[in-house]
Amino acid sequence: MAATYEDRYWTSSDGLTLHYRNYPGPEGATKLPVLCMHGLTRNARDFGPLAEALSATRRVIVTEMRGRGMSDYAPDSDTYNPLVYVQDVEKLLAEQAIGRFAVVGTSMGGLMTMLMAAGKPGRMSAVVMNDIGPEVQTEGLSRISGYVGQGRSYPTWVHAARGLAEAHGAAFPDFDLDQWLEMAKRTMVVSQNGRIAFDYDMAIAEPFSKPGNAAPPNLWLAFEALAGVPMLLVRGALSDLLSEETVRQMGVRNPALKTITVPRVGHAPTLDEPEVRAAILALLDGAE
């Protein structure tokens, strides 16, 4: 089947060529566009099935942050931080003359969503936050620090799938080999030497441990910029990044929040779960 998206590019303020997938949606569509933003070590492929479904009725833009996928790697690793990613995305939105939109943000993409809302409130018609909130658990950050930037590679896709299962099996205890293969093909590529390698710049690990980089401070204030915005919070029941107490506080501060918990899944749900997909479609359709 022919791809329903186009590979497009924009230029960052510091001259990097950045990639996004543009799903144009049906001709003459009037529904607001959706912006999808991925997690720390991920890329546009993470949203493939979801973007296909959403593009049946609207335009979908799936950005790849600098240092990931088909976007340029940054010569200065200090620019691998959420504030710079937000600047990059804001430049794209301005170029595309997109003034109002919905957002789906996974992990780091959810942090970016809150920062964008704080910087320019009132633009987002609806928000999906995938296993992330204004407070991030230190256990989850420590786990991520343990694998990000290690540069492992594998001789075959099956070896890659088994490597992922070994590293992340606690978060997805029910995954079978086919599901691990799918995750491997979302997160890895065949490198120039023929081995299967992760599809991101290993240098993103360098600034990750610096204060305020992995999770910017004072994000409760940023979250409050979304007060009243229809929001779906997706949480993995086994998550070590988003606590149940943070979820409760988010509901207090935004009464428009709805929560769905995916059983026997950690960080982060794939957003391909049937109950999650239905909830996302319902949120977006009800927020026009």
C-alpha atoms as a PDB file:
ATOM      1  CA  MET A   1       0.000   0.000   0.000  1.00  0.00           C
ATOM      2  CA  ALA A   2       1.284   3.461  -0.907  1.00  0.00           C
ATOM      3  CA  ALA A   3       2.385   5.670   1.979  1.00  0.00           C
ATOM      4  CA  THR A   4      -0.230   8.169   3.113  1.00  0.00           C
ATOM      5  CA  TYR A   5       2.415  10.653   4.233  1.00  0.00           C
ATOM      6  CA  GLU A   6       5.085  12.806   2.626  1.00  0.00           C
ATOM      7  CA  ASP A   7       8.604  13.229   3.981  1.00  0.00           C
ATOM      8  CA  ARG A   8       9.119  16.954   4.470  1.00  0.00           C
ATOM      9  CA  TYR A   9      11.820  19.118   5.997  1.00  0.00           C
ATOM     10  CA  TRP A  10      12.314  22.453   7.716  1.00  0.00           C
ATOM     11  CA  THR A  11      15.401  24.345   8.873  1.00  0.00           C
ATOM     12  CA  SER A  12      16.120  25.125  12.510  1.00  0.00           C
ATOM     13  CA  SER A  13      17.317  28.542  13.648  1.00  0.00           C
ATOM     14  CA  ASP A  14      20.862  27.167  13.915  1.00  0.00           C
ATOM     15  CA  GLY A  15      20.805  25.703  10.412  1.00  0.00           C
ATOM     16  CA  LEU A  16      19.905  22.023  10.929  1.00  0.00           C
ATOM     17  CA  THR A  17      17.694  20.266   8.412  1.00  0.00           C
ATOM     18  CA  LEU A  18      14.893  18.625  10.380  1.00  0.00           C
ATOM     19  CA  HIS A  19      12.436  16.020   9.142  1.00  0.00           C
ATOM     20  CA  TYR A  20       8.729  15.534   9.616  1.00  0.00           C
ATOM     21  CA  ARG A  21       6.081  13.264   8.215  1.00  0.00           C
ATOM     22  CA  ASN A  22       3.160  15.150   6.740  1.00  0.00           C
ATOM     23  CA  TYR A  23      -0.103  13.219   6.554  1.00  0.00           C
ATOM     24  CA  PRO A  24      -2.294  15.624   4.538  1.00  0.00           C
ATOM     25  CA  GLY A  25      -5.602  13.977   5.399  1.00  0.00           C
ATOM     26  CA  PRO A  26      -8.610  14.083   3.068  1.00  0.00           C
ATOM     27  CA  GLU A  27      -8.904  16.907   0.574  1.00  0.00           C
ATOM     28  CA  GLY A  28     -10.929  19.760   1.992  1.00  0.00           C
ATOM     29  CA  ALA A  29     -10.701  18.488   5.581  1.00  0.00           C
ATOM     30  CA  THR A  30     -11.792  21.124   8.091  1.00  0.00           C
ATOM     31  CA  LYS A  31     -10.788  19.419  11.334  1.00  0.00           C
ATOM     32  CA  LEU A  32      -7.862  20.919  13.223  1.00  0.00           C
ATOM     33  CA  PRO A  33      -4.449  19.353  12.549  1.00  0.00           C
ATOM     34  CA  VAL A  34      -2.700  17.104  15.047  1.00  0.00           C
ATOM     35  CA  LEU A  35       0.942  17.490  16.042  1.00  0.00           C
ATOM     36  CA  CYS A  36       2.658  14.285  17.262  1.00  0.00           C
ATOM     37  CA  MET A  37       5.915  14.512  19.230  1.00  0.00           C
ATOM     38  CA  HIS A  38       7.995  11.479  20.224  1.00  0.00           C
ATOM     39  CA  GLY A  39      10.035  10.452  23.235  1.00  0.00           C
ATOM     40  CA  LEU A  40      13.738  10.820  24.021  1.00  0.00           C
ATOM     41  CA  THR A  41      15.207   8.026  21.878  1.00  0.00           C
ATOM     42  CA  ARG A  42      12.337   7.612  19.445  1.00  0.00           C
ATOM     43  CA  ASN A  43      11.365   8.968  16.027  1.00  0.00           C
ATOM     44  CA  ALA A  44       8.435   9.512  13.658  1.00  0.00           C
ATOM     45  CA  ARG A  45       7.891   5.776  13.137  1.00  0.00           C
ATOM     46  CA  ASP A  46       6.551   5.579  16.681  1.00  0.00           C
ATOM     47  CA  PHE A  47       3.312   7.202  15.518  1.00  0.00           C
ATOM     48  CA  GLY A  48       2.888   5.305  12.242  1.00  0.00           C
ATOM     49  CA  PRO A  49      -0.337   3.371  12.956  1.00  0.00           C
ATOM     50  CA  LEU A  50      -1.891   6.169  15.018  1.00  0.00           C
ATOM     51  CA  ALA A  51      -1.095   8.836  12.427  1.00  0.00           C
ATOM     52  CA  GLU A  52      -2.625   6.667   9.704  1.00  0.00           C
ATOM     53  CA  ALA A  53      -5.841   6.413  11.693  1.00  0.00           C
ATOM     54  CA  LEU A  54      -5.991  10.113  12.550  1.00  0.00           C
ATOM     55  CA  SER A  55      -5.253  11.181   8.976  1.00  0.00           C
ATOM     56  CA  ALA A  56      -8.529   9.656   7.816  1.00  0.00           C
ATOM     57  CA  THR A  57     -10.194  12.903   8.915  1.00  0.00           C
ATOM     58  CA  ARG A  58      -7.461  15.530   9.383  1.00  0.00           C
ATOM     59  CA  ARG A  59      -3.893  16.589   8.726  1.00  0.00           C
ATOM     60  CA  VAL A  60      -1.257  15.010  10.962  1.00  0.00           C
ATOM     61  CA  ILE A  61       2.295  16.300  11.424  1.00  0.00           C
ATOM     62  CA  VAL A  62       4.820  13.970  13.059  1.00  0.00           C
ATOM     63  CA  THR A  63       8.062  15.753  13.874  1.00  0.00           C
ATOM     64  CA  GLU A  64      11.488  14.179  14.335  1.00  0.00           C
ATOM     65  CA  MET A  65      13.577  16.109  16.794  1.00  0.00           C
ATOM     66  CA  ARG A  66      17.169  16.993  16.012  1.00  0.00           C
ATOM     67  CA  GLY A  67      19.434  13.973  16.382  1.00  0.00           C
ATOM     68  CA  ARG A  68      16.713  11.442  15.588  1.00  0.00           C
ATOM     69  CA  GLY A  69      15.638   9.572  12.487  1.00  0.00           C
ATOM     70  CA  MET A  70      16.034  11.596   9.297  1.00  0.00           C
ATOM     71  CA  SER A  71      16.760  14.870  11.097  1.00  0.00           C
ATOM     72  CA  ASP A  72      20.305  16.239  11.233  1.00  0.00           C
ATOM     73  CA  TYR A  73      22.494  15.477  14.196  1.00  0.00           C
ATOM     74  CA  ALA A  74      23.496  18.599  16.121  1.00  0.00           C
ATOM     75  CA  PRO A  75      27.195  19.547  16.261  1.00  0.00           C
ATOM     76  CA  ASP A  76      26.595  20.956  19.750  1.00  0.00           C
ATOM     77  CA  SER A  77      25.162  18.288  22.048  1.00  0.00           C
ATOM     78  CA  ASP A  78      24.001  20.959  24.512  1.00  0.00           C
ATOM     79  CA  THR A  79      21.188  21.743  22.059  1.00  0.00           C
ATOM     80  CA  TYR A  80      19.696  18.336  22.793  1.00  0.00           C
ATOM     81  CA  ASN A  81      17.273  19.711  25.363  1.00  0.00           C
ATOM     82  CA  PRO A  82      13.503  20.282  25.504  1.00  0.00           C
ATOM     83  CA  LEU A  83      13.691  24.083  25.276  1.00  0.00           C
ATOM     84  CA  VAL A  84      15.588  23.889  21.982  1.00  0.00           C
ATOM     85  CA  TYR A  85      13.263  21.180  20.654  1.00  0.00           C
ATOM     86  CA  VAL A  86      10.334  23.489  21.389  1.00  0.00           C
ATOM     87  CA  GLN A  87      12.017  26.310  19.480  1.00  0.00           C
ATOM     88  CA  ASP A  88      12.491  23.964  16.530  1.00  0.00           C
ATOM     89  CA  VAL A  89       8.850  22.892  16.499  1.00  0.00           C
ATOM     90  CA  GLU A  90       7.579  26.451  16.929  1.00  0.00           C
ATOM     91  CA  LYS A  91       9.523  27.468  13.825  1.00  0.00           C
ATOM     92  CA  LEU A  92       7.815  24.712  11.836  1.00  0.00           C
ATOM     93  CA  LEU A  93       4.361  25.700  13.094  1.00  0.00           C
ATOM     94  CA  ALA A  94       5.013  29.316  12.137  1.00  0.00           C
ATOM     95  CA  GLU A  95       6.182  28.342   8.658  1.00  0.00           C
ATOM     96  CA  GLN A  96       3.091  26.199   8.164  1.00  0.00           C
ATOM     97  CA  ALA A  97       0.835  28.990   9.512  1.00  0.00           C
ATOM     98  CA  ILE A  98      -0.687  26.595  12.049  1.00  0.00           C
ATOM     99  CA  GLY A  99      -2.308  28.657  14.783  1.00  0.00           C
ATOM    100  CA  ARG A 100      -4.554  26.129  16.482  1.00  0.00           C
ATOM    101  CA  PHE A 101      -3.986  22.399  16.757  1.00  0.00           C
ATOM    102  CA  ALA A 102      -4.227  19.272  18.881  1.00  0.00           C
ATOM    103  CA  VAL A 103      -1.162  17.523  20.322  1.00  0.00           C
ATOM    104  CA  VAL A 104      -0.126  13.951  21.050  1.00  0.00           C
ATOM    105  CA  GLY A 105       3.055  13.883  23.131  1.00  0.00           C
ATOM    106  CA  THR A 106       4.849  10.767  24.323  1.00  0.00           C
ATOM    107  CA  SER A 107       7.214  11.175  27.285  1.00  0.00           C
ATOM    108  CA  MET A 108       9.634  13.928  26.180  1.00  0.00           C
ATOM    109  CA  GLY A 109       7.013  15.021  23.662  1.00  0.00           C
ATOM    110  CA  GLY A 110       4.631  15.561  26.568  1.00  0.00           C
ATOM    111  CA  LEU A 111       7.189  17.715  28.375  1.00  0.00           C
ATOM    112  CA  MET A 112       7.472  19.763  25.183  1.00  0.00           C
ATOM    113  CA  THR A 113       3.684  20.069  25.056  1.00  0.00           C
ATOM    114  CA  MET A 114       3.579  21.670  28.490  1.00  0.00           C
ATOM    115  CA  LEU A 115       6.420  24.053  27.635  1.00  0.00           C
ATOM    116  CA  MET A 116       4.687  25.065  24.410  1.00  0.00           C
ATOM    117  CA  ALA A 117       1.419  25.677  26.261  1.00  0.00           C
ATOM    118  CA  ALA A 118       3.172  27.856  28.832  1.00  0.00           C
ATOM    119  CA  GLY A 119       4.940  29.853  26.129  1.00  0.00           C
ATOM    120  CA  LYS A 120       1.840  30.471  24.015  1.00  0.00           C
ATOM    121  CA  PRO A 121      -1.339  29.436  25.847  1.00  0.00           C
ATOM    122  CA  GLY A 122      -4.704  29.018  24.199  1.00  0.00           C
ATOM    123  CA  ARG A 123      -3.629  27.338  20.965  1.00  0.00           C
ATOM    124  CA  MET A 124      -4.246  23.687  21.766  1.00  0.00           C
ATOM    125  CA  SER A 125      -7.709  22.286  21.153  1.00  0.00           C
ATOM    126  CA  ALA A 126      -6.937  18.952  22.828  1.00  0.00           C
ATOM    127  CA  VAL A 127      -3.905  17.187  24.303  1.00  0.00           C
ATOM    128  CA  VAL A 128      -2.915  13.540  24.675  1.00  0.00           C
ATOM    129  CA  MET A 129      -0.114  13.021  27.200  1.00  0.00           C
ATOM    130  CA  ASN A 130       1.465   9.585  27.018  1.00  0.00           C
ATOM    131  CA  ASP A 131       2.929   8.419  30.343  1.00  0.00           C
ATOM    132  CA  ILE A 132       4.328  11.757  31.389  1.00  0.00           C
ATOM    133  CA  GLY A 133       3.385  14.577  33.747  1.00  0.00           C
ATOM    134  CA  PRO A 134       4.741  17.682  35.455  1.00  0.00           C
ATOM    135  CA  GLU A 135       6.638  15.510  37.956  1.00  0.00           C
ATOM    136  CA  VAL A 136       8.917  12.755  36.700  1.00  0.00           C
ATOM    137  CA  GLN A 137       9.928   9.864  38.949  1.00  0.00           C
ATOM    138  CA  THR A 138      13.633   9.605  39.655  1.00  0.00           C
ATOM    139  CA  GLU A 139      13.475   5.805  39.295  1.00  0.00           C
ATOM    140  CA  GLY A 140      12.432   6.155  35.672  1.00  0.00           C
ATOM    141  CA  LEU A 141      15.082   8.771  34.933  1.00  0.00           C
ATOM    142  CA  SER A 142      17.748   6.529  36.449  1.00  0.00           C
ATOM    143  CA  ARG A 143      16.591   3.608  34.299  1.00  0.00           C
ATOM    144  CA  ILE A 144      16.723   5.727  31.144  1.00  0.00           C
ATOM    145  CA  SER A 145      20.178   7.022  32.062  1.00  0.00           C
ATOM    146  CA  GLY A 146      21.275   3.397  32.252  1.00  0.00           C
ATOM    147  CA  TYR A 147      20.681   2.695  28.575  1.00  0.00           C
ATOM    148  CA  VAL A 148      20.540   5.953  26.597  1.00  0.00           C
ATOM    149  CA  GLY A 149      23.576   6.594  24.417  1.00  0.00           C
ATOM    150  CA  GLN A 150      25.180   3.186  24.847  1.00  0.00           C
ATOM    151  CA  GLY A 151      25.326   2.560  21.094  1.00  0.00           C
ATOM    152  CA  ARG A 152      24.609  -1.157  21.040  1.00  0.00           C
ATOM    153  CA  SER A 153      24.191  -2.802  17.646  1.00  0.00           C
ATOM    154  CA  TYR A 154      23.020  -6.231  16.483  1.00  0.00           C
ATOM    155  CA  PRO A 155      23.713  -8.555  13.536  1.00  0.00           C
ATOM    156  CA  THR A 156      20.044  -9.317  12.738  1.00  0.00           C
ATOM    157  CA  TRP A 157      16.571  -7.997  13.520  1.00  0.00           C
ATOM    158  CA  VAL A 158      15.882 -11.022  15.708  1.00  0.00           C
ATOM    159  CA  HIS A 159      18.984 -10.269  17.754  1.00  0.00           C
ATOM    160  CA  ALA A 160      17.835  -6.661  18.042  1.00  0.00           C
ATOM    161  CA  ALA A 161      14.381  -7.748  19.192  1.00  0.00           C
ATOM    162  CA  ARG A 162      15.864 -10.012  21.826  1.00  0.00           C
ATOM    163  CA  GLY A 163      18.150  -7.203  22.979  1.00  0.00           C
ATOM    164  CA  LEU A 164      15.149  -4.942  23.474  1.00  0.00           C
ATOM    165  CA  ALA A 165      13.312  -7.690  25.327  1.00  0.00           C
ATOM    166  CA  GLU A 166      16.242  -8.113  27.690  1.00  0.00           C
ATOM    167  CA  ALA A 167      16.510  -4.366  28.339  1.00  0.00           C
ATOM    168  CA  HIS A 168      12.808  -3.481  28.524  1.00  0.00           C
ATOM    169  CA  GLY A 169      11.026  -6.721  29.332  1.00  0.00           C
ATOM    170  CA  ALA A 170       9.905  -5.441  32.727  1.00  0.00           C
ATOM    171  CA  ALA A 171       7.888  -2.702  31.008  1.00  0.00           C
ATOM    172  CA  PHE A 172       6.241  -5.055  28.510  1.00  0.00           C
ATOM    173  CA  PRO A 173       6.039  -8.449  30.213  1.00  0.00           C
ATOM    174  CA  ASP A 174       3.447  -9.818  27.777  1.00  0.00           C
ATOM    175  CA  PHE A 175       5.212  -8.884  24.513  1.00  0.00           C
ATOM    176  CA  ASP A 176       5.977 -11.770  22.179  1.00  0.00           C
ATOM    177  CA  LEU A 177       8.813 -11.905  19.630  1.00  0.00           C
ATOM    178  CA  ASP A 178       6.708 -10.328  16.873  1.00  0.00           C
ATOM    179  CA  GLN A 179       5.964  -7.330  19.093  1.00  0.00           C
ATOM    180  CA  TRP A 180       9.619  -6.928  20.017  1.00  0.00           C
ATOM    181  CA  LEU A 181      10.481  -7.101  16.309  1.00  0.00           C
ATOM    182  CA  GLU A 182       7.963  -4.340  15.653  1.00  0.00           C
ATOM    183  CA  MET A 183       9.523  -2.217  18.389  1.00  0.00           C
ATOM    184  CA  ALA A 184      12.995  -2.869  17.001  1.00  0.00           C
ATOM    185  CA  LYS A 185      11.924  -1.665  13.557  1.00  0.00           C
ATOM    186  CA  ARG A 186      10.410   1.467  15.079  1.00  0.00           C
ATOM    187  CA  THR A 187      13.530   2.352  17.030  1.00  0.00           C
ATOM    188  CA  MET A 188      16.433   1.022  14.924  1.00  0.00           C
ATOM    189  CA  VAL A 189      17.799   1.096  11.372  1.00  0.00           C
ATOM    190  CA  VAL A 190      20.341  -0.823   9.319  1.00  0.00           C
ATOM    191  CA  SER A 191      23.561   1.153   9.690  1.00  0.00           C
ATOM    192  CA  GLN A 192      26.261   1.652   7.053  1.00  0.00           C
ATOM    193  CA  ASN A 193      28.215  -1.348   8.337  1.00  0.00           C
ATOM    194  CA  GLY A 194      25.151  -3.572   7.937  1.00  0.00           C
ATOM    195  CA  ARG A 195      24.412  -3.950  11.629  1.00  0.00           C
ATOM    196  CA  ILE A 196      21.120  -2.974  13.282  1.00  0.00           C
ATOM    197  CA  ALA A 197      21.626   0.174  15.359  1.00  0.00           C
ATOM    198  CA  PHE A 198      19.491   2.665  17.275  1.00  0.00           C
ATOM    199  CA  ASP A 199      18.191   5.515  15.127  1.00  0.00           C
ATOM    200  CA  TYR A 200      19.434   8.458  17.186  1.00  0.00           C
ATOM    201  CA  ASP A 201      22.606  10.395  17.931  1.00  0.00           C
ATOM    202  CA  MET A 202      24.315   8.784  20.923  1.00  0.00           C
ATOM    203  CA  ALA A 203      25.342  12.297  21.987  1.00  0.00           C
ATOM    204  CA  ILE A 204      21.812  12.950  23.295  1.00  0.00           C
ATOM    205  CA  ALA A 205      23.014  11.168  26.443  1.00  0.00           C
ATOM    206  CA  GLU A 206      25.607  13.869  27.176  1.00  0.00           C
ATOM    207  CA  PRO A 207      23.229  16.621  28.354  1.00  0.00           C
ATOM    208  CA  PHE A 208      20.553  14.233  29.686  1.00  0.00           C
ATOM    209  CA  SER A 209      21.968  14.147  33.221  1.00  0.00           C
ATOM    210  CA  LYS A 210      22.376  17.918  33.513  1.00  0.00           C
ATOM    211  CA  PRO A 211      19.952  19.610  35.936  1.00  0.00           C
ATOM    212  CA  GLY A 212      16.707  20.665  34.296  1.00  0.00           C
ATOM    213  CA  ASN A 213      17.412  18.899  31.010  1.00  0.00           C
ATOM    214  CA  ALA A 214      15.703  15.535  31.319  1.00  0.00           C
ATOM    215  CA  ALA A 215      12.707  17.138  33.053  1.00  0.00           C
ATOM    216  CA  PRO A 216      12.609  20.949  33.182  1.00  0.00           C
ATOM    217  CA  PRO A 217      11.744  22.387  36.615  1.00  0.00           C
ATOM    218  CA  ASN A 218       8.474  24.067  37.630  1.00  0.00           C
ATOM    219  CA  LEU A 219       6.420  22.127  35.117  1.00  0.00           C
ATOM    220  CA  TRP A 220       3.321  22.360  37.304  1.00  0.00           C
ATOM    221  CA  LEU A 221       3.113  26.005  36.265  1.00  0.00           C
ATOM    222  CA  ALA A 222       3.461  24.967  32.625  1.00  0.00           C
ATOM    223  CA  PHE A 223       0.813  22.281  33.085  1.00  0.00           C
ATOM    224  CA  GLU A 224      -1.599  24.842  34.491  1.00  0.00           C
ATOM    225  CA  ALA A 225      -1.437  26.666  31.131  1.00  0.00           C
ATOM    226  CA  LEU A 226      -3.485  23.702  29.860  1.00  0.00           C
ATOM    227  CA  ALA A 227      -6.264  24.174  32.439  1.00  0.00           C
ATOM    228  CA  GLY A 228      -9.601  23.594  30.776  1.00  0.00           C
ATOM    229  CA  VAL A 229      -8.098  22.038  27.649  1.00  0.00           C
ATOM    230  CA  PRO A 230      -9.662  18.622  26.926  1.00  0.00           C
ATOM    231  CA  MET A 231      -6.917  16.173  27.817  1.00  0.00           C
ATOM    232  CA  LEU A 232      -6.364  12.426  27.779  1.00  0.00           C
ATOM    233  CA  LEU A 233      -3.630  11.097  30.043  1.00  0.00           C
ATOM    234  CA  VAL A 234      -2.438   7.615  29.072  1.00  0.00           C
ATOM    235  CA  ARG A 235      -0.492   5.802  31.774  1.00  0.00           C
ATOM    236  CA  GLY A 236       1.130   2.415  31.815  1.00  0.00           C
ATOM    237  CA  ALA A 237       0.107   0.590  34.984  1.00  0.00           C
ATOM    238  CA  LEU A 238       3.752  -0.461  35.468  1.00  0.00           C
ATOM    239  CA  SER A 239       5.170   3.005  34.736  1.00  0.00           C
ATOM    240  CA  ASP A 240       8.239   4.077  36.705  1.00  0.00           C
ATOM    241  CA  LEU A 241       8.117   7.611  35.276  1.00  0.00           C
ATOM    242  CA  LEU A 242       4.573   8.756  36.072  1.00  0.00           C
ATOM    243  CA  SER A 243       3.220   8.095  39.570  1.00  0.00           C
ATOM    244  CA  GLU A 244      -0.410   7.633  40.544  1.00  0.00           C
ATOM    245  CA  GLU A 245      -0.115  10.654  42.859  1.00  0.00           C
ATOM    246  CA  THR A 246       1.024  12.862  39.984  1.00  0.00           C
ATOM    247  CA  VAL A 247      -1.938  11.609  37.946  1.00  0.00           C
ATOM    248  CA  ARG A 248      -4.267  12.543  40.801  1.00  0.00           C
ATOM    249  CA  GLN A 249      -2.808  16.021  41.081  1.00  0.00           C
ATOM    250  CA  MET A 250      -3.088  16.523  37.331  1.00  0.00           C
ATOM    251  CA  GLY A 251      -6.794  15.752  37.564  1.00  0.00           C
ATOM    252  CA  VAL A 252      -7.238  18.279  40.355  1.00  0.00           C
ATOM    253  CA  ARG A 253      -5.513  21.005  38.362  1.00  0.00           C
ATOM    254  CA  ASN A 254      -7.277  20.220  35.090  1.00  0.00           C
ATOM    255  CA  PRO A 255     -10.853  18.999  35.612  1.00  0.00           C
ATOM    256  CA  ALA A 256     -11.059  18.407  31.835  1.00  0.00           C
ATOM    257  CA  LEU A 257      -8.539  15.558  32.231  1.00  0.00           C
ATOM    258  CA  LYS A 258      -9.533  11.986  31.445  1.00  0.00           C
ATOM    259  CA  THR A 259      -7.223   9.122  32.332  1.00  0.00           C
ATOM    260  CA  ILE A 260      -6.782   5.674  30.838  1.00  0.00           C
ATOM    261  CA  THR A 261      -4.448   3.131  32.422  1.00  0.00           C
ATOM    262  CA  VAL A 262      -3.026   0.354  30.258  1.00  0.00           C
ATOM    263  CA  PRO A 263      -2.615  -2.841  32.320  1.00  0.00           C
ATOM    264  CA  ARG A 264       0.664  -4.757  32.377  1.00  0.00           C
ATOM    265  CA  VAL A 265       2.525  -2.062  30.465  1.00  0.00           C
ATOM    266  CA  GLY A 266       5.233   0.277  31.718  1.00  0.00           C
ATOM    267  CA  HIS A 267       6.817   3.287  30.065  1.00  0.00           C
ATOM    268  CA  ALA A 268       5.384   3.989  27.609  1.00  0.00           C
ATOM    269  CA  PRO A 269       2.201   2.572  26.057  1.00  0.00           C
ATOM    270  CA  THR A 270       2.450   2.260  22.264  1.00  0.00           C
ATOM    271  CA  LEU A 271      -0.855   4.140  21.653  1.00  0.00           C
ATOM    272  CA  ASP A 272      -1.839   1.231  19.414  1.00  0.00           C
ATOM    273  CA  GLU A 273      -3.814  -0.435  22.216  1.00  0.00           C
ATOM    274  CA  PRO A 274      -7.473  -0.615  21.063  1.00  0.00           C
ATOM    275  CA  GLU A 275      -8.850   1.095  24.172  1.00  0.00           C
ATOM    276  CA  VAL A 276      -6.280   3.892  23.879  1.00  0.00           C
ATOM    277  CA  ARG A 277      -6.889   4.393  20.171  1.00  0.00           C
ATOM    278  CA  ALA A 278     -10.650   4.672  20.753  1.00  0.00           C
ATOM    279  CA  ALA A 279     -10.117   7.178  23.577  1.00  0.00           C
ATOM    280  CA  ILE A 280      -7.806   9.350  21.443  1.00  0.00           C
ATOM    281  CA  LEU A 281     -10.276   9.432  18.546  1.00  0.00           C
ATOM    282  CA  ALA A 282     -13.130  10.294  20.916  1.00  0.00           C
ATOM    283  CA  LEU A 283     -11.122  13.106  22.523  1.00  0.00           C
ATOM    284  CA  LEU A 284     -10.158  14.707  19.223  1.00  0.00           C
ATOM    285  CA  ASP A 285     -13.625  14.375  17.692  1.00  0.00           C
ATOM    286  CA  GLY A 286     -15.195  15.974  20.759  1.00  0.00           C
ATOM    287  CA  ALA A 287     -12.779  18.892  20.968  1.00  0.00           C
ATOM    288  CA  GLU A 288     -13.324  20.568  17.594  1.00  0.00           C
END
